[in-house]
């Protein structure tokens, strides 16, 4: 069977980051074909070209990718097993100095700590936990609470354990193999961002699709 009569399977993620302005299909897709000889040629086809320098983002339709492949291999059958729209982000990454990483980590840790502490204190103040514990202690023991009883101690321990169990994470240790609630929320947030970027690009006519302006120039390398 001729190489051009083979079936090419392609799979692309929803969001792809690249570090070079000339983007080829091999940069944004994984591919499989029975004819291994044509894979290197397809992977080097250029689909997009960014202006060097600043961070840029572009939505690419899988139909544009298939068109790009068919320009060079018109008889090959392309089967898409991935996303129908791919967000390609170009950024000339520069490794920040170590002190900058440490400062960002310390800042995020401080915001998280003080924000969580304020939320807990605000909740305790709203429901008047101190007064409640005092009433319970006096009801059970007949003595006035001094604000530091077994109730406060067990409440503090239980709050700490509850937070650790809920977030399923302590340092580098996981209690289970399930993703943490924070990871789930971050993935949902990323999915919302990606959906919005694709829809905005479609509405503004900025998505790289069949029939749209080709910013990549020739597909030949």
Protein backbone atom coordinates (compact mmCIF):
# COMPACT_ATOMS: atom_id res chain seq x y z
CA UNK A 1 0.00 0.00 0.00
CA UNK A 2 1.28 3.47 -0.86
CA UNK A 3 2.34 5.73 1.99
CA UNK A 4 -0.22 8.28 0.86
CA UNK A 5 -3.03 5.74 1.28
CA UNK A 6 -2.25 5.20 4.96
CA UNK A 7 -4.29 6.43 7.91
CA UNK A 8 -2.70 9.03 10.17
CA UNK A 9 -3.95 9.29 13.73
CA UNK A 10 -3.40 12.62 15.47
CA UNK A 11 -4.05 13.71 19.03
CA UNK A 12 -3.69 17.19 20.46
CA UNK A 13 -4.21 18.63 23.94
CA UNK A 14 -6.50 21.59 24.59
CA UNK A 15 -3.65 23.86 25.64
CA UNK A 16 -0.07 23.63 24.35
CA UNK A 17 2.92 25.82 25.22
CA UNK A 18 5.79 26.36 22.80
CA UNK A 19 9.07 28.19 23.25
CA UNK A 20 9.96 28.87 19.61
CA UNK A 21 8.10 31.19 17.19
CA UNK A 22 7.96 28.65 14.35
CA UNK A 23 5.38 26.08 15.41
CA UNK A 24 5.30 22.72 13.64
CA UNK A 25 2.74 19.95 13.88
CA UNK A 26 5.19 17.91 15.91
CA UNK A 27 5.17 20.65 18.55
CA UNK A 28 1.44 20.47 19.21
CA UNK A 29 0.41 16.92 18.23
CA UNK A 30 1.22 13.31 18.89
CA UNK A 31 0.89 11.10 15.81
CA UNK A 32 0.78 7.46 14.79
CA UNK A 33 0.86 5.89 11.36
CA UNK A 34 1.66 2.46 9.99
CA UNK A 35 4.19 4.05 7.64
CA UNK A 36 6.86 5.36 10.01
CA UNK A 37 8.75 7.05 7.21
CA UNK A 38 6.20 9.82 6.67
CA UNK A 39 5.84 10.75 10.36
CA UNK A 40 9.05 12.86 10.49
CA UNK A 41 7.96 14.71 7.35
CA UNK A 42 4.52 15.49 8.75
CA UNK A 43 5.91 16.56 12.12
CA UNK A 44 8.07 19.21 10.45
CA UNK A 45 5.14 20.89 8.66
CA UNK A 46 4.77 24.43 9.96
CA UNK A 47 1.29 25.38 11.09
CA UNK A 48 1.88 28.72 12.80
CA UNK A 49 4.44 31.48 13.13
CA UNK A 50 4.58 33.93 16.03
CA UNK A 51 6.40 37.22 16.17
CA UNK A 52 9.50 36.61 18.32
CA UNK A 53 9.63 38.21 21.72
CA UNK A 54 6.45 38.83 23.68
CA UNK A 55 4.01 36.19 24.91
CA UNK A 56 1.27 35.39 22.39
CA UNK A 57 -1.64 32.98 22.14
CA UNK A 58 -3.57 31.60 19.17
CA UNK A 59 -6.44 29.15 18.78
CA UNK A 60 -5.97 26.60 15.99
CA UNK A 61 -8.77 24.47 14.56
CA UNK A 62 -8.05 20.81 13.86
CA UNK A 63 -9.53 21.39 10.39
CA UNK A 64 -6.64 23.78 9.67
CA UNK A 65 -4.22 21.09 10.81
CA UNK A 66 -5.84 18.53 8.51
CA UNK A 67 -5.73 21.03 5.64
CA UNK A 68 -2.04 21.59 6.32
CA UNK A 69 -1.39 17.84 6.13
CA UNK A 70 -3.47 17.38 3.00
CA UNK A 71 -1.54 20.10 1.18
CA UNK A 72 1.52 17.85 1.25
CA UNK A 73 -0.17 14.44 1.50
CA UNK A 74 -3.53 14.78 -0.29
CA UNK A 75 -4.38 11.06 -0.20
CA UNK A 76 -3.60 10.36 3.43
CA UNK A 77 -6.58 9.80 5.73
CA UNK A 78 -6.41 11.79 8.97
CA UNK A 79 -8.24 10.60 12.08
CA UNK A 80 -8.42 13.07 14.95
CA UNK A 81 -8.46 11.47 18.41
CA UNK A 82 -7.89 14.67 20.38
CA UNK A 83 -9.32 18.15 20.78
CA UNK A 84 -11.09 19.95 17.95
CA UNK A 85 -9.52 23.29 18.94
CA UNK A 86 -5.99 23.73 20.26
CA UNK A 87 -4.77 26.81 22.11
CA UNK A 88 -1.12 27.42 21.28
CA UNK A 89 0.73 29.71 23.68
CA UNK A 90 4.13 31.07 22.74
CA UNK A 91 6.44 32.35 25.44
CA UNK A 92 10.18 32.79 25.31
CA UNK A 93 10.75 31.32 28.75
CA UNK A 94 13.57 32.65 30.84
CA UNK A 95 14.45 30.93 34.09
CA UNK A 96 14.03 33.45 36.94
CA UNK A 97 16.71 33.71 39.60
CA UNK A 98 16.32 31.53 42.69
CA UNK A 99 15.58 34.47 44.98
CA UNK A 100 12.57 35.39 42.84
CA UNK A 101 11.18 31.85 43.18
CA UNK A 102 11.68 32.00 46.95
CA UNK A 103 9.97 35.39 47.21
CA UNK A 104 6.96 34.23 45.21
CA UNK A 105 6.68 31.05 47.29
CA UNK A 106 6.88 33.02 50.54
CA UNK A 107 4.30 35.53 49.31
CA UNK A 108 1.81 32.84 48.26
CA UNK A 109 2.35 30.95 51.52
CA UNK A 110 1.77 34.12 53.58
CA UNK A 111 -1.39 35.05 51.67
CA UNK A 112 -2.74 31.52 52.05
CA UNK A 113 -1.92 31.32 55.75
CA UNK A 114 -3.26 34.71 56.79
CA UNK A 115 -6.28 34.41 54.49
CA UNK A 116 -7.23 31.04 55.96
CA UNK A 117 -6.61 32.29 59.50
CA UNK A 118 -8.80 35.35 58.93
CA UNK A 119 -11.59 33.19 57.46
CA UNK A 120 -11.54 30.84 60.45
CA UNK A 121 -11.52 33.73 62.93
CA UNK A 122 -14.34 35.47 61.09
CA UNK A 123 -16.43 32.28 61.17
CA UNK A 124 -15.74 31.72 64.86
CA UNK A 125 -16.67 35.32 65.59
CA UNK A 126 -19.90 35.10 63.58
CA UNK A 127 -21.16 32.01 65.42
CA UNK A 128 -19.56 33.14 68.73
CA UNK A 129 -17.72 29.86 69.31
CA UNK A 130 -16.09 31.14 72.52
CA UNK A 131 -19.45 31.86 74.13
CA UNK A 132 -20.89 28.57 72.90
CA UNK A 133 -18.00 26.57 74.33
CA UNK A 134 -18.30 28.48 77.58
CA UNK A 135 -21.98 27.64 77.87
CA UNK A 136 -21.38 23.95 77.07
CA UNK A 137 -18.52 23.76 79.60
CA UNK A 138 -20.60 25.40 82.30
CA UNK A 139 -23.56 23.14 81.52
CA UNK A 140 -21.46 19.97 81.77
CA UNK A 141 -19.16 20.87 84.65
CA UNK A 142 -21.00 23.61 86.52
CA UNK A 143 -17.87 25.77 86.36
CA UNK A 144 -17.19 28.94 84.41
CA UNK A 145 -14.90 28.46 81.45
CA UNK A 146 -11.58 30.30 81.43
CA UNK A 147 -11.41 30.08 77.60
CA UNK A 148 -8.86 27.28 77.61
CA UNK A 149 -10.63 23.97 78.18
CA UNK A 150 -10.74 20.55 76.57
CA UNK A 151 -13.37 21.88 74.16
CA UNK A 152 -11.05 24.50 72.69
CA UNK A 153 -8.16 22.03 72.50
CA UNK A 154 -10.12 19.29 70.73
CA UNK A 155 -11.75 21.87 68.44
CA UNK A 156 -8.33 23.17 67.36
CA UNK A 157 -6.98 19.66 66.80
CA UNK A 158 -10.11 18.59 64.91
CA UNK A 159 -9.97 21.71 62.72
CA UNK A 160 -6.37 20.98 61.77
CA UNK A 161 -7.04 17.31 61.03
CA UNK A 162 -10.17 18.21 59.06
CA UNK A 163 -8.27 20.64 56.85
CA UNK A 164 -5.50 18.09 56.18
CA UNK A 165 -7.98 15.32 55.35
CA UNK A 166 -10.09 17.60 53.15
CA UNK A 167 -7.15 18.90 51.13
CA UNK A 168 -5.59 15.41 51.06
CA UNK A 169 -2.15 16.93 51.14
CA UNK A 170 0.57 17.79 53.63
CA UNK A 171 3.88 18.98 52.26
CA UNK A 172 4.90 16.46 49.60
CA UNK A 173 2.82 13.67 51.15
CA UNK A 174 -0.60 12.61 49.86
CA UNK A 175 -2.95 10.61 52.02
CA UNK A 176 -4.69 9.02 49.00
CA UNK A 177 -4.08 8.83 45.25
CA UNK A 178 -7.13 10.99 44.51
CA UNK A 179 -6.54 14.54 43.25
CA UNK A 180 -6.84 17.20 45.91
CA UNK A 181 -9.81 19.63 45.93
CA UNK A 182 -7.38 22.41 45.02
CA UNK A 183 -6.17 20.50 41.96
CA UNK A 184 -9.76 19.84 40.89
CA UNK A 185 -10.69 23.50 41.18
CA UNK A 186 -7.57 24.55 39.28
CA UNK A 187 -8.40 22.13 36.45
CA UNK A 188 -11.97 23.42 36.30
CA UNK A 189 -10.63 26.98 36.23
CA UNK A 190 -8.21 26.09 33.42
CA UNK A 191 -11.01 24.44 31.43
CA UNK A 192 -13.16 27.56 31.80
CA UNK A 193 -10.29 29.76 30.62
CA UNK A 194 -9.58 27.54 27.62
CA UNK A 195 -13.25 27.40 26.62
CA UNK A 196 -13.50 31.19 26.87
CA UNK A 197 -10.34 31.71 24.80
CA UNK A 198 -11.61 29.43 22.02
CA UNK A 199 -15.08 31.00 21.97
CA UNK A 200 -13.66 34.53 21.95
CA UNK A 201 -11.31 33.64 19.10
CA UNK A 202 -14.22 32.18 17.10
CA UNK A 203 -16.43 35.23 17.67
CA UNK A 204 -13.67 37.66 16.74
CA UNK A 205 -12.64 35.61 13.72
CA UNK A 206 -9.12 35.20 15.13
CA UNK A 207 -9.07 31.40 15.20
CA UNK A 208 -6.73 29.80 12.68
CA UNK A 209 -9.22 27.76 10.67
CA UNK A 210 -9.80 26.68 7.09
CA UNK A 211 -10.59 29.71 5.00
CA UNK A 212 -9.01 32.12 7.50
CA UNK A 213 -5.90 34.19 6.93
CA UNK A 214 -2.83 31.97 7.09
CA UNK A 215 -0.24 33.55 9.39
CA UNK A 216 2.19 30.67 9.18
CA UNK A 217 3.36 31.23 5.66
CA UNK A 218 4.39 28.17 3.68
CA UNK A 219 3.89 24.77 5.29
CA UNK A 220 7.13 23.54 3.75
CA UNK A 221 10.23 23.41 5.93
